[in-house]
């Protein structure tokens, strides 16, 4: 059964199908470019899906021809007239929204087609998994406007690394889907008509994992990234696995494996 919830602003629609929630950006006429309202809608919807135990996977997608073309021109024009305090509040809202998506305690998938520019590229990188159609194009285009990709920077850097970022943050070159796959910006590239099939395959794979274990795995990656392998790190990882082994979810997972049956969470997916 598929149910939809339309945000009052009309900028975002939540589509629920089983345990999957798809957040559809609906500013198709603006190529799903950001403004204050869309940023707020994405933040609120992401928090709601993160707190909803019935949701196992969150997919981020865009209606129309593009995933997201970055900042709305009218929004950017307004920001150009702001003082430092107003600009900081605006930037804080965007940064908080991206962090909410990046730290969601469940798997997130970016469904990318068409343009994913500036903040749109940041959205894709903030998600755990990115699947792109072969017509997708990316760019950190901020320097062309005399700006920098600051709020999206941590997530883009996490995806493509500092070496690639040194090029693309400064050149603002367009990155086609093949190049995006090559540099680790996306995990999969498929034909446009195969995009939803590929996402369904990944969702199916995600449904086999324990939800608490997946959330703990995300925290593990965030905490391990860039850390030296020293005594403290080794002790921390041993403590984490010891603690999770003692959970009901781990007992169910091991029991299901030994009994040659599907785990309870798979049956609910």
Protein backbone atom coordinates (compact mmCIF):
# COMPACT_ATOMS: atom_id res chain seq x y z
CA UNK A 1 0.00 0.00 0.00
CA UNK A 2 1.31 3.44 -0.99
CA UNK A 3 0.25 6.53 0.92
CA UNK A 4 1.29 10.12 0.31
CA UNK A 5 1.50 13.14 2.58
CA UNK A 6 1.78 16.58 0.99
CA UNK A 7 3.50 19.25 3.08
CA UNK A 8 1.38 22.37 3.35
CA UNK A 9 3.99 24.40 1.48
CA UNK A 10 3.73 22.16 -1.57
CA UNK A 11 7.52 21.91 -1.75
CA UNK A 12 7.74 18.33 -0.45
CA UNK A 13 5.69 15.16 -0.65
CA UNK A 14 6.25 12.08 1.51
CA UNK A 15 5.37 8.80 -0.19
CA UNK A 16 5.12 5.75 2.06
CA UNK A 17 5.29 2.22 0.65
CA UNK A 18 5.69 -0.45 3.31
CA UNK A 19 8.77 0.43 5.34
CA UNK A 20 10.19 2.81 2.71
CA UNK A 21 9.57 6.56 2.84
CA UNK A 22 10.41 8.62 -0.24
CA UNK A 23 10.81 12.36 0.23
CA UNK A 24 9.89 13.91 -3.12
CA UNK A 25 10.97 17.49 -3.70
CA UNK A 26 8.12 18.97 -5.73
CA UNK A 27 9.48 22.29 -7.04
CA UNK A 28 9.69 20.80 -10.53
CA UNK A 29 9.26 24.20 -12.21
CA UNK A 30 12.34 25.41 -10.30
CA UNK A 31 14.32 22.18 -10.79
CA UNK A 32 13.87 21.56 -7.05
CA UNK A 33 16.15 24.45 -6.20
CA UNK A 34 16.47 25.33 -2.51
CA UNK A 35 14.71 28.16 -0.80
CA UNK A 36 13.97 28.71 2.87
CA UNK A 37 10.76 26.69 2.69
CA UNK A 38 12.21 23.62 0.97
CA UNK A 39 15.15 23.59 3.39
CA UNK A 40 12.74 23.68 6.34
CA UNK A 41 10.49 21.02 4.81
CA UNK A 42 13.43 18.66 4.23
CA UNK A 43 14.69 19.16 7.78
CA UNK A 44 11.28 18.55 9.38
CA UNK A 45 10.45 15.57 7.18
CA UNK A 46 13.84 13.96 7.76
CA UNK A 47 13.51 14.31 11.53
CA UNK A 48 10.02 12.82 11.39
CA UNK A 49 11.16 9.83 9.33
CA UNK A 50 14.13 9.31 11.64
CA UNK A 51 11.80 9.09 14.64
CA UNK A 52 9.25 6.83 12.93
CA UNK A 53 9.94 3.18 13.85
CA UNK A 54 7.78 2.02 10.93
CA UNK A 55 10.27 3.53 8.45
CA UNK A 56 13.30 1.39 7.62
CA UNK A 57 14.72 3.26 4.60
CA UNK A 58 14.46 6.89 3.46
CA UNK A 59 14.82 7.76 -0.24
CA UNK A 60 15.43 11.36 -1.34
CA UNK A 61 14.17 12.22 -4.82
CA UNK A 62 13.05 15.08 -7.05
CA UNK A 63 10.04 15.51 -9.31
CA UNK A 64 10.47 16.83 -12.83
CA UNK A 65 13.64 17.02 -14.89
CA UNK A 66 16.16 17.45 -12.06
CA UNK A 67 17.12 16.09 -8.67
CA UNK A 68 18.04 19.57 -7.40
CA UNK A 69 19.69 22.48 -9.17
CA UNK A 70 21.04 23.97 -5.92
CA UNK A 71 20.08 27.42 -4.67
CA UNK A 72 16.96 29.12 -5.99
CA UNK A 73 17.93 32.35 -7.78
CA UNK A 74 15.36 34.44 -5.91
CA UNK A 75 16.59 33.02 -2.60
CA UNK A 76 20.20 33.78 -3.56
CA UNK A 77 19.20 37.27 -4.66
CA UNK A 78 17.58 37.93 -1.28
CA UNK A 79 20.63 36.55 0.52
CA UNK A 80 22.89 38.94 -1.40
CA UNK A 81 21.18 41.79 0.41
CA UNK A 82 21.45 40.25 3.86
CA UNK A 83 23.88 41.31 6.54
CA UNK A 84 26.23 38.86 8.22
CA UNK A 85 23.72 37.86 10.91
CA UNK A 86 20.93 37.10 8.41
CA UNK A 87 23.33 35.19 6.18
CA UNK A 88 24.53 33.18 9.16
CA UNK A 89 20.96 32.23 10.11
CA UNK A 90 20.29 31.20 6.51
CA UNK A 91 23.49 29.13 6.37
CA UNK A 92 22.78 27.56 9.76
CA UNK A 93 19.40 26.31 8.51
CA UNK A 94 20.94 24.72 5.40
CA UNK A 95 23.81 23.19 7.39
CA UNK A 96 21.41 21.78 9.99
CA UNK A 97 19.19 20.23 7.29
CA UNK A 98 22.14 18.50 5.62
CA UNK A 99 23.40 17.22 8.97
CA UNK A 100 19.95 15.87 9.85
CA UNK A 101 19.92 13.83 6.65
CA UNK A 102 23.54 12.69 7.07
CA UNK A 103 22.98 11.57 10.68
CA UNK A 104 19.58 9.94 10.20
CA UNK A 105 19.64 6.70 12.26
CA UNK A 106 18.57 4.59 9.27
CA UNK A 107 19.73 4.05 5.69
CA UNK A 108 19.24 6.89 3.21
CA UNK A 109 19.36 6.68 -0.58
CA UNK A 110 19.65 9.58 -3.04
CA UNK A 111 17.70 8.94 -6.26
CA UNK A 112 19.54 11.27 -8.63
CA UNK A 113 18.50 12.21 -12.15
CA UNK A 114 19.20 15.29 -14.22
CA UNK A 115 20.94 18.17 -12.47
CA UNK A 116 22.42 17.82 -8.98
CA UNK A 117 24.27 21.10 -8.67
CA UNK A 118 25.70 22.94 -5.66
CA UNK A 119 23.41 22.15 -2.76
CA UNK A 120 21.82 19.40 -4.85
CA UNK A 121 25.16 17.65 -5.05
CA UNK A 122 25.49 18.18 -1.31
CA UNK A 123 22.13 16.49 -0.75
CA UNK A 124 23.25 13.45 -2.75
CA UNK A 125 26.49 13.25 -0.77
CA UNK A 126 24.71 13.63 2.57
CA UNK A 127 22.80 10.41 1.85
CA UNK A 128 24.43 7.06 2.66
CA UNK A 129 23.93 5.66 -0.82
CA UNK A 130 23.61 7.50 -4.15
CA UNK A 131 22.14 5.94 -7.29
CA UNK A 132 22.23 8.05 -10.44
CA UNK A 133 20.67 7.80 -13.86
CA UNK A 134 23.02 8.02 -16.82
CA UNK A 135 21.76 11.54 -17.56
CA UNK A 136 22.73 12.90 -14.14
CA UNK A 137 25.19 15.77 -13.93
CA UNK A 138 26.86 17.15 -10.81
CA UNK A 139 28.89 20.24 -9.91
CA UNK A 140 30.13 22.27 -6.98
CA UNK A 141 29.38 25.44 -8.90
CA UNK A 142 29.63 27.94 -6.03
CA UNK A 143 32.91 29.62 -7.07
CA UNK A 144 31.23 30.80 -10.26
CA UNK A 145 29.11 33.06 -8.04
CA UNK A 146 32.01 34.12 -5.84
CA UNK A 147 30.90 31.68 -3.15
CA UNK A 148 32.31 28.49 -1.62
CA UNK A 149 30.71 25.04 -1.09
CA UNK A 150 31.00 25.39 2.68
CA UNK A 151 27.87 23.78 4.16
CA UNK A 152 27.94 20.90 1.65
CA UNK A 153 31.72 20.57 1.95
CA UNK A 154 31.91 17.93 4.72
CA UNK A 155 29.60 15.56 2.82
CA UNK A 156 31.15 16.07 -0.61
CA UNK A 157 34.62 15.64 0.89
CA UNK A 158 33.47 12.43 2.59
CA UNK A 159 32.28 11.12 -0.77
CA UNK A 160 35.10 12.07 -3.15
CA UNK A 161 38.07 12.84 -0.89
CA UNK A 162 40.25 15.91 -0.58
CA UNK A 163 42.23 15.34 -3.79
CA UNK A 164 39.19 15.37 -6.07
CA UNK A 165 37.62 18.20 -4.08
CA UNK A 166 40.69 20.36 -4.68
CA UNK A 167 39.88 20.20 -8.37
CA UNK A 168 36.12 20.45 -8.45
CA UNK A 169 35.64 23.00 -5.66
CA UNK A 170 37.85 25.38 -7.65
CA UNK A 171 36.97 24.61 -11.27
CA UNK A 172 33.20 24.14 -10.85
CA UNK A 173 33.38 21.72 -13.79
CA UNK A 174 30.36 19.62 -14.60
CA UNK A 175 30.74 15.98 -13.58
CA UNK A 176 28.84 13.49 -15.71
CA UNK A 177 27.48 10.24 -14.32
CA UNK A 178 30.41 8.12 -15.52
CA UNK A 179 32.93 10.41 -13.86
CA UNK A 180 30.77 10.59 -10.74
CA UNK A 181 30.94 6.81 -10.45
CA UNK A 182 34.70 6.82 -11.06
CA UNK A 183 35.45 9.27 -8.24
CA UNK A 184 33.07 7.72 -5.71
CA UNK A 185 30.42 10.42 -5.83
CA UNK A 186 27.75 7.81 -6.58
CA UNK A 187 27.56 4.05 -5.97
CA UNK A 188 25.61 3.05 -9.07
CA UNK A 189 24.79 4.47 -12.50
CA UNK A 190 21.89 3.00 -14.46
CA UNK A 191 19.63 3.93 -17.35
CA UNK A 192 16.86 6.33 -16.41
CA UNK A 193 14.16 3.69 -16.77
CA UNK A 194 16.11 1.34 -14.47
CA UNK A 195 16.59 3.85 -11.64
CA UNK A 196 13.68 2.69 -9.48
CA UNK A 197 14.47 -0.98 -10.10
CA UNK A 198 18.04 -0.52 -8.87
CA UNK A 199 16.85 1.38 -5.79
CA UNK A 200 14.35 -1.41 -5.06
CA UNK A 201 17.22 -3.92 -5.20
CA UNK A 202 19.22 -1.91 -2.69
CA UNK A 203 16.18 -1.48 -0.44
CA UNK A 204 15.70 -5.25 -0.54
CA UNK A 205 19.31 -5.78 0.52
CA UNK A 206 18.93 -3.22 3.31
CA UNK A 207 15.84 -5.02 4.62
CA UNK A 208 17.96 -8.04 5.54
CA UNK A 209 19.96 -6.05 8.10
CA UNK A 210 18.95 -5.37 11.67
CA UNK A 211 17.78 -1.74 12.01
CA UNK A 212 19.67 -1.14 15.26
CA UNK A 213 22.80 -2.69 13.78
CA UNK A 214 22.53 -0.44 10.74
CA UNK A 215 22.22 2.65 12.92
CA UNK A 216 25.21 1.49 14.98
CA UNK A 217 27.18 0.84 11.78
CA UNK A 218 26.59 4.44 10.67
CA UNK A 219 27.86 5.72 14.02
CA UNK A 220 30.85 3.37 13.77
CA UNK A 221 31.86 4.73 10.37
CA UNK A 222 31.52 8.34 11.54
CA UNK A 223 33.63 7.65 14.63
CA UNK A 224 36.32 5.62 12.85
CA UNK A 225 36.86 7.87 9.83
CA UNK A 226 40.32 9.41 9.89
CA UNK A 227 41.23 8.01 13.31
CA UNK A 228 44.59 6.32 14.01
CA UNK A 229 44.45 2.63 14.95
CA UNK A 230 45.70 2.96 18.51
CA UNK A 231 44.92 1.23 21.82
CA UNK A 232 41.93 3.48 22.50
CA UNK A 233 40.38 2.77 19.09
CA UNK A 234 40.90 -0.97 19.36
CA UNK A 235 39.34 -0.98 22.84
CA UNK A 236 36.39 1.09 21.61
CA UNK A 237 35.63 -1.27 18.71
CA UNK A 238 35.83 -4.31 21.00
CA UNK A 239 33.44 -2.63 23.43
CA UNK A 240 30.97 -1.83 20.65
CA UNK A 241 30.74 -5.40 19.36
CA UNK A 242 30.52 -6.80 22.90
CA UNK A 243 27.61 -4.50 23.72
CA UNK A 244 25.68 -5.17 20.53
CA UNK A 245 26.10 -8.93 20.86
CA UNK A 246 24.08 -8.72 24.07
CA UNK A 247 21.07 -7.04 22.41
CA UNK A 248 17.77 -8.75 21.56
CA UNK A 249 18.29 -7.86 17.91
CA UNK A 250 21.64 -9.65 17.77
CA UNK A 251 20.19 -12.72 19.50
CA UNK A 252 17.36 -12.77 16.96
CA UNK A 253 19.79 -12.40 14.05
CA UNK A 254 22.03 -15.23 15.21
CA UNK A 255 19.04 -17.43 16.04
CA UNK A 256 17.56 -16.86 12.60
CA UNK A 257 20.86 -17.80 10.96
CA UNK A 258 21.21 -21.00 12.99
CA UNK A 259 17.55 -21.91 12.41
CA UNK A 260 17.86 -21.18 8.68
CA UNK A 261 14.95 -18.73 8.71
CA UNK A 262 14.45 -15.07 7.95
CA UNK A 263 15.02 -12.68 10.85
CA UNK A 264 11.97 -10.96 12.29
CA UNK A 265 12.91 -7.55 10.89
CA UNK A 266 13.08 -8.99 7.33
CA UNK A 267 9.54 -10.28 7.65
CA UNK A 268 8.37 -6.79 8.60
CA UNK A 269 10.12 -5.08 5.70
